[in-house]
Amino acid sequence: MSASDRELIEACREGRDAPFEELVDRYKMKAYSLAYFLVGNAADALDISQEAFIKIYRNLHRFRGKSGFGTWLHRITYNLCMDFLRLRKRRASLSYRDEIGKPGEEPAIESSGKSNPLKGLVKKETREMVRGAIDRLPAKLKSVLVLREIEDLSYGEIAGIVGCSTGTVMSRLHHARKRLGKILKTVVKGQHL
């Protein structure tokens, strides 16, 4: 029987490291996936997700359990991503060269195990098209879309992570979906010309 997050946190507070390693194993792909979809670069996403766990380890004594550990991790990862994007935007305005993330290694996507190269290629191209469209969204819209549609968080959890009301989350999500649809239509039309 696996220990609960709360039990692992308590064990960490007692000075044991193994329970923290278990928390990292349990949540590392969630942190990486969120960071990847927000910053668009595999190496940066890995750095951010590792930084999130370091920050959590140093501040474990502050965790009160008002929300779940996963929500706390998402909030920290989200904040680190927003800081990274602000810094990248500042650097881009000072430089001739824009280092917008080049998609590297994407988070793992489960497959049926049957190999169909053409189907795989179409899926990859579709994923890249959607990924590119998501990248064109403003950060506030992009973050709620990723947290809801990719991380599958509730409106309340998203509100806690991004620091706004549930109504604002719902409004941003509506606008994100609408804008994403327009971007995708433009991209698809451009491919068929």
C-alpha atoms as a PDB file:
ATOM      1  CA  MET A   1       0.000   0.000   0.000  1.00  0.00           C
ATOM      2  CA  SER A   2       1.366   3.335  -1.054  1.00  0.00           C
ATOM      3  CA  ALA A   3       1.699   6.181   1.432  1.00  0.00           C
ATOM      4  CA  SER A   4      -0.449   9.278   0.952  1.00  0.00           C
ATOM      5  CA  ASP A   5       1.115  12.600  -0.006  1.00  0.00           C
ATOM      6  CA  ARG A   6       0.437  13.909   3.493  1.00  0.00           C
ATOM      7  CA  GLU A   7       2.216  10.916   5.081  1.00  0.00           C
ATOM      8  CA  LEU A   8       5.210  11.405   2.787  1.00  0.00           C
ATOM      9  CA  ILE A   9       5.371  15.112   3.640  1.00  0.00           C
ATOM     10  CA  GLU A  10       5.314  14.330   7.358  1.00  0.00           C
ATOM     11  CA  ALA A  11       8.131  11.810   6.892  1.00  0.00           C
ATOM     12  CA  CYS A  12      10.146  14.458   5.019  1.00  0.00           C
ATOM     13  CA  ARG A  13       9.620  16.897   7.855  1.00  0.00           C
ATOM     14  CA  GLU A  14      11.126  14.275  10.172  1.00  0.00           C
ATOM     15  CA  GLY A  15      14.322  14.506   8.116  1.00  0.00           C
ATOM     16  CA  ARG A  16      14.020  11.492   5.828  1.00  0.00           C
ATOM     17  CA  ASP A  17      14.885  11.915   2.138  1.00  0.00           C
ATOM     18  CA  ALA A  18      13.358   8.749   0.642  1.00  0.00           C
ATOM     19  CA  PRO A  19       9.767  10.012   1.034  1.00  0.00           C
ATOM     20  CA  PHE A  20      10.649  13.165  -0.890  1.00  0.00           C
ATOM     21  CA  GLU A  21      12.111  11.036  -3.681  1.00  0.00           C
ATOM     22  CA  GLU A  22       8.787   9.202  -3.806  1.00  0.00           C
ATOM     23  CA  LEU A  23       6.919  12.529  -4.094  1.00  0.00           C
ATOM     24  CA  VAL A  24       9.236  13.546  -6.930  1.00  0.00           C
ATOM     25  CA  ASP A  25       8.672  10.219  -8.720  1.00  0.00           C
ATOM     26  CA  ARG A  26       4.929  10.601  -8.261  1.00  0.00           C
ATOM     27  CA  TYR A  27       4.715  14.160  -9.619  1.00  0.00           C
ATOM     28  CA  LYS A  28       7.751  14.804 -11.844  1.00  0.00           C
ATOM     29  CA  MET A  29       5.902  14.245 -15.136  1.00  0.00           C
ATOM     30  CA  LYS A  30       3.048  16.533 -14.070  1.00  0.00           C
ATOM     31  CA  ALA A  31       5.498  19.349 -13.273  1.00  0.00           C
ATOM     32  CA  TYR A  32       7.480  18.764 -16.468  1.00  0.00           C
ATOM     33  CA  SER A  33       4.367  18.552 -18.642  1.00  0.00           C
ATOM     34  CA  LEU A  34       2.959  21.804 -17.276  1.00  0.00           C
ATOM     35  CA  ALA A  35       6.280  23.593 -17.701  1.00  0.00           C
ATOM     36  CA  TYR A  36       6.741  22.203 -21.206  1.00  0.00           C
ATOM     37  CA  PHE A  37       3.348  23.367 -22.400  1.00  0.00           C
ATOM     38  CA  LEU A  38       3.830  26.812 -20.868  1.00  0.00           C
ATOM     39  CA  VAL A  39       7.414  27.532 -21.990  1.00  0.00           C
ATOM     40  CA  GLY A  40       7.585  25.373 -25.125  1.00  0.00           C
ATOM     41  CA  ASN A  41      11.092  24.036 -24.685  1.00  0.00           C
ATOM     42  CA  ALA A  42      12.093  20.663 -23.252  1.00  0.00           C
ATOM     43  CA  ALA A  43      15.358  21.774 -21.638  1.00  0.00           C
ATOM     44  CA  ASP A  44      13.785  24.841 -20.018  1.00  0.00           C
ATOM     45  CA  ALA A  45      10.817  22.762 -18.850  1.00  0.00           C
ATOM     46  CA  LEU A  46      13.164  20.259 -17.222  1.00  0.00           C
ATOM     47  CA  ASP A  47      15.074  23.061 -15.473  1.00  0.00           C
ATOM     48  CA  ILE A  48      11.851  24.678 -14.262  1.00  0.00           C
ATOM     49  CA  SER A  49      10.355  21.416 -12.984  1.00  0.00           C
ATOM     50  CA  GLN A  50      13.592  20.620 -11.121  1.00  0.00           C
ATOM     51  CA  GLU A  51      13.640  24.130  -9.681  1.00  0.00           C
ATOM     52  CA  ALA A  52      10.049  23.639  -8.507  1.00  0.00           C
ATOM     53  CA  PHE A  53      11.005  20.530  -6.547  1.00  0.00           C
ATOM     54  CA  ILE A  54      14.024  22.278  -5.033  1.00  0.00           C
ATOM     55  CA  LYS A  55      11.780  25.143  -3.950  1.00  0.00           C
ATOM     56  CA  ILE A  56       9.282  22.697  -2.466  1.00  0.00           C
ATOM     57  CA  TYR A  57      12.005  20.802  -0.607  1.00  0.00           C
ATOM     58  CA  ARG A  58      13.302  24.020   0.941  1.00  0.00           C
ATOM     59  CA  ASN A  59       9.800  25.168   1.898  1.00  0.00           C
ATOM     60  CA  LEU A  60       8.190  21.901   2.964  1.00  0.00           C
ATOM     61  CA  HIS A  61       7.891  23.266   6.505  1.00  0.00           C
ATOM     62  CA  ARG A  62       5.511  25.942   5.149  1.00  0.00           C
ATOM     63  CA  PHE A  63       3.085  23.501   3.525  1.00  0.00           C
ATOM     64  CA  ARG A  64      -0.138  23.648   5.565  1.00  0.00           C
ATOM     65  CA  GLY A  65      -2.197  21.193   3.565  1.00  0.00           C
ATOM     66  CA  LYS A  66      -5.008  23.627   2.707  1.00  0.00           C
ATOM     67  CA  SER A  67      -4.742  22.298  -0.828  1.00  0.00           C
ATOM     68  CA  GLY A  68      -3.295  19.073  -2.131  1.00  0.00           C
ATOM     69  CA  PHE A  69       0.427  18.636  -2.709  1.00  0.00           C
ATOM     70  CA  GLY A  70      -0.206  18.416  -6.474  1.00  0.00           C
ATOM     71  CA  THR A  71      -1.988  21.774  -6.459  1.00  0.00           C
ATOM     72  CA  TRP A  72       0.876  23.321  -4.498  1.00  0.00           C
ATOM     73  CA  LEU A  73       3.375  21.897  -6.991  1.00  0.00           C
ATOM     74  CA  HIS A  74       1.321  23.205  -9.934  1.00  0.00           C
ATOM     75  CA  ARG A  75       1.202  26.683  -8.377  1.00  0.00           C
ATOM     76  CA  ILE A  76       4.963  26.779  -7.838  1.00  0.00           C
ATOM     77  CA  THR A  77       5.663  25.413 -11.327  1.00  0.00           C
ATOM     78  CA  TYR A  78       3.216  27.889 -12.863  1.00  0.00           C
ATOM     79  CA  ASN A  79       4.829  30.831 -11.030  1.00  0.00           C
ATOM     80  CA  LEU A  80       8.320  29.734 -12.104  1.00  0.00           C
ATOM     81  CA  CYS A  81       7.102  29.476 -15.717  1.00  0.00           C
ATOM     82  CA  MET A  82       5.571  32.952 -15.613  1.00  0.00           C
ATOM     83  CA  ASP A  83       8.833  34.361 -14.169  1.00  0.00           C
ATOM     84  CA  PHE A  84      10.782  32.568 -16.914  1.00  0.00           C
ATOM     85  CA  LEU A  85       8.484  33.899 -19.656  1.00  0.00           C
ATOM     86  CA  ARG A  86       8.707  37.476 -18.320  1.00  0.00           C
ATOM     87  CA  LEU A  87      12.503  37.245 -18.253  1.00  0.00           C
ATOM     88  CA  ARG A  88      12.592  35.730 -21.745  1.00  0.00           C
ATOM     89  CA  LYS A  89      10.356  38.519 -23.034  1.00  0.00           C
ATOM     90  CA  ARG A  90      12.662  41.155 -21.516  1.00  0.00           C
ATOM     91  CA  ARG A  91      15.716  39.459 -23.007  1.00  0.00           C
ATOM     92  CA  ALA A  92      14.035  39.214 -26.418  1.00  0.00           C
ATOM     93  CA  SER A  93      13.340  42.934 -26.450  1.00  0.00           C
ATOM     94  CA  LEU A  94      17.029  43.590 -25.768  1.00  0.00           C
ATOM     95  CA  SER A  95      18.280  41.178 -28.405  1.00  0.00           C
ATOM     96  CA  TYR A  96      18.044  40.799 -32.166  1.00  0.00           C
ATOM     97  CA  ARG A  97      17.613  37.084 -31.802  1.00  0.00           C
ATOM     98  CA  ASP A  98      14.460  35.696 -30.248  1.00  0.00           C
ATOM     99  CA  GLU A  99      14.989  32.424 -28.421  1.00  0.00           C
ATOM    100  CA  ILE A 100      11.360  31.308 -28.370  1.00  0.00           C
ATOM    101  CA  GLY A 101      11.434  27.665 -27.410  1.00  0.00           C
ATOM    102  CA  LYS A 102      12.013  25.225 -30.178  1.00  0.00           C
ATOM    103  CA  PRO A 103       9.963  22.151 -29.412  1.00  0.00           C
ATOM    104  CA  GLY A 104      12.290  19.438 -28.254  1.00  0.00           C
ATOM    105  CA  GLU A 105      11.269  16.307 -26.570  1.00  0.00           C
ATOM    106  CA  GLU A 106       7.537  16.331 -25.948  1.00  0.00           C
ATOM    107  CA  PRO A 107       5.898  14.726 -22.924  1.00  0.00           C
ATOM    108  CA  ALA A 108       5.215  11.052 -23.503  1.00  0.00           C
ATOM    109  CA  ILE A 109       1.949  10.237 -25.226  1.00  0.00           C
ATOM    110  CA  GLU A 110       0.617   6.750 -24.802  1.00  0.00           C
ATOM    111  CA  SER A 111       0.116   4.669 -27.909  1.00  0.00           C
ATOM    112  CA  SER A 112      -1.770   1.491 -28.657  1.00  0.00           C
ATOM    113  CA  GLY A 113       1.459  -0.341 -29.451  1.00  0.00           C
ATOM    114  CA  LYS A 114       0.455  -0.909 -33.091  1.00  0.00           C
ATOM    115  CA  SER A 115       2.781   0.727 -35.553  1.00  0.00           C
ATOM    116  CA  ASN A 116       1.369   2.762 -38.425  1.00  0.00           C
ATOM    117  CA  PRO A 117       3.984   5.213 -39.741  1.00  0.00           C
ATOM    118  CA  LEU A 118       1.519   7.347 -41.722  1.00  0.00           C
ATOM    119  CA  LYS A 119      -0.891   7.607 -38.813  1.00  0.00           C
ATOM    120  CA  GLY A 120       2.019   8.461 -36.517  1.00  0.00           C
ATOM    121  CA  LEU A 121       3.198  11.192 -38.873  1.00  0.00           C
ATOM    122  CA  VAL A 122      -0.289  12.716 -39.110  1.00  0.00           C
ATOM    123  CA  LYS A 123      -0.623  12.644 -35.310  1.00  0.00           C
ATOM    124  CA  LYS A 124       2.793  14.274 -34.918  1.00  0.00           C
ATOM    125  CA  GLU A 125       1.980  17.008 -37.437  1.00  0.00           C
ATOM    126  CA  THR A 126      -1.381  17.627 -35.767  1.00  0.00           C
ATOM    127  CA  ARG A 127       0.257  17.818 -32.319  1.00  0.00           C
ATOM    128  CA  GLU A 128       2.844  20.274 -33.672  1.00  0.00           C
ATOM    129  CA  MET A 129       0.130  22.395 -35.283  1.00  0.00           C
ATOM    130  CA  VAL A 130      -1.918  22.520 -32.065  1.00  0.00           C
ATOM    131  CA  ARG A 131       1.238  23.134 -30.013  1.00  0.00           C
ATOM    132  CA  GLY A 132       2.180  26.037 -32.284  1.00  0.00           C
ATOM    133  CA  ALA A 133      -1.332  27.486 -32.016  1.00  0.00           C
ATOM    134  CA  ILE A 134      -1.264  27.220 -28.213  1.00  0.00           C
ATOM    135  CA  ASP A 135       2.109  28.992 -28.188  1.00  0.00           C
ATOM    136  CA  ARG A 136       0.526  31.953 -29.988  1.00  0.00           C
ATOM    137  CA  LEU A 137      -1.937  32.548 -27.138  1.00  0.00           C
ATOM    138  CA  PRO A 138      -1.188  35.254 -24.542  1.00  0.00           C
ATOM    139  CA  ALA A 139       0.294  33.801 -21.328  1.00  0.00           C
ATOM    140  CA  LYS A 140      -2.863  34.312 -19.230  1.00  0.00           C
ATOM    141  CA  LEU A 141      -5.031  32.455 -21.732  1.00  0.00           C
ATOM    142  CA  LYS A 142      -2.420  29.820 -22.494  1.00  0.00           C
ATOM    143  CA  SER A 143      -1.905  28.968 -18.818  1.00  0.00           C
ATOM    144  CA  VAL A 144      -5.581  28.332 -18.014  1.00  0.00           C
ATOM    145  CA  LEU A 145      -6.015  26.320 -21.214  1.00  0.00           C
ATOM    146  CA  VAL A 146      -3.016  24.120 -20.404  1.00  0.00           C
ATOM    147  CA  LEU A 147      -4.037  23.678 -16.759  1.00  0.00           C
ATOM    148  CA  ARG A 148      -7.585  22.693 -17.722  1.00  0.00           C
ATOM    149  CA  GLU A 149      -7.215  20.757 -20.969  1.00  0.00           C
ATOM    150  CA  ILE A 150      -3.792  19.177 -20.541  1.00  0.00           C
ATOM    151  CA  GLU A 151      -3.341  18.951 -16.773  1.00  0.00           C
ATOM    152  CA  ASP A 152      -7.085  18.270 -16.260  1.00  0.00           C
ATOM    153  CA  LEU A 153      -7.391  20.488 -13.178  1.00  0.00           C
ATOM    154  CA  SER A 154     -10.680  21.806 -11.841  1.00  0.00           C
ATOM    155  CA  TYR A 155     -11.633  25.476 -12.166  1.00  0.00           C
ATOM    156  CA  GLY A 156     -11.093  25.917  -8.424  1.00  0.00           C
ATOM    157  CA  GLU A 157      -7.607  24.410  -8.577  1.00  0.00           C
ATOM    158  CA  ILE A 158      -6.708  26.611 -11.533  1.00  0.00           C
ATOM    159  CA  ALA A 159      -7.997  29.686  -9.716  1.00  0.00           C
ATOM    160  CA  GLY A 160      -5.770  28.855  -6.757  1.00  0.00           C
ATOM    161  CA  ILE A 161      -2.750  28.335  -8.997  1.00  0.00           C
ATOM    162  CA  VAL A 162      -3.065  31.463 -11.143  1.00  0.00           C
ATOM    163  CA  GLY A 163      -4.376  33.653  -8.307  1.00  0.00           C
ATOM    164  CA  CYS A 164      -7.760  34.750  -9.623  1.00  0.00           C
ATOM    165  CA  SER A 165     -11.436  33.902  -9.150  1.00  0.00           C
ATOM    166  CA  THR A 166     -13.137  30.841 -10.607  1.00  0.00           C
ATOM    167  CA  GLY A 167     -15.244  33.138 -12.789  1.00  0.00           C
ATOM    168  CA  THR A 168     -12.113  34.716 -14.223  1.00  0.00           C
ATOM    169  CA  VAL A 169     -10.709  31.254 -14.963  1.00  0.00           C
ATOM    170  CA  MET A 170     -13.906  30.315 -16.796  1.00  0.00           C
ATOM    171  CA  SER A 171     -13.840  33.564 -18.776  1.00  0.00           C
ATOM    172  CA  ARG A 172     -10.168  33.168 -19.719  1.00  0.00           C
ATOM    173  CA  LEU A 173     -10.770  29.561 -20.708  1.00  0.00           C
ATOM    174  CA  HIS A 174     -13.680  30.608 -22.935  1.00  0.00           C
ATOM    175  CA  HIS A 175     -11.535  33.274 -24.624  1.00  0.00           C
ATOM    176  CA  ALA A 176      -8.577  30.879 -24.945  1.00  0.00           C
ATOM    177  CA  ARG A 177     -10.691  28.229 -26.680  1.00  0.00           C
ATOM    178  CA  LYS A 178     -12.268  30.799 -28.977  1.00  0.00           C
ATOM    179  CA  ARG A 179      -8.912  32.328 -29.905  1.00  0.00           C
ATOM    180  CA  LEU A 180      -7.300  28.907 -30.336  1.00  0.00           C
ATOM    181  CA  GLY A 181     -10.088  27.950 -32.735  1.00  0.00           C
ATOM    182  CA  LYS A 182      -9.462  31.073 -34.821  1.00  0.00           C
ATOM    183  CA  ILE A 183      -5.711  30.450 -34.885  1.00  0.00           C
ATOM    184  CA  LEU A 184      -6.199  26.821 -35.936  1.00  0.00           C
ATOM    185  CA  LYS A 185      -8.621  27.811 -38.704  1.00  0.00           C
ATOM    186  CA  THR A 186      -6.067  30.280 -40.040  1.00  0.00           C
ATOM    187  CA  VAL A 187      -3.304  27.659 -39.904  1.00  0.00           C
ATOM    188  CA  VAL A 188      -5.427  24.994 -41.611  1.00  0.00           C
ATOM    189  CA  LYS A 189      -6.520  27.424 -44.351  1.00  0.00           C
ATOM    190  CA  GLY A 190      -2.887  28.391 -44.880  1.00  0.00           C
ATOM    191  CA  GLN A 191      -1.905  24.755 -45.372  1.00  0.00           C
ATOM    192  CA  HIS A 192      -4.555  24.148 -48.029  1.00  0.00           C
ATOM    193  CA  LEU A 193      -3.696  27.131 -50.253  1.00  0.00           C
END
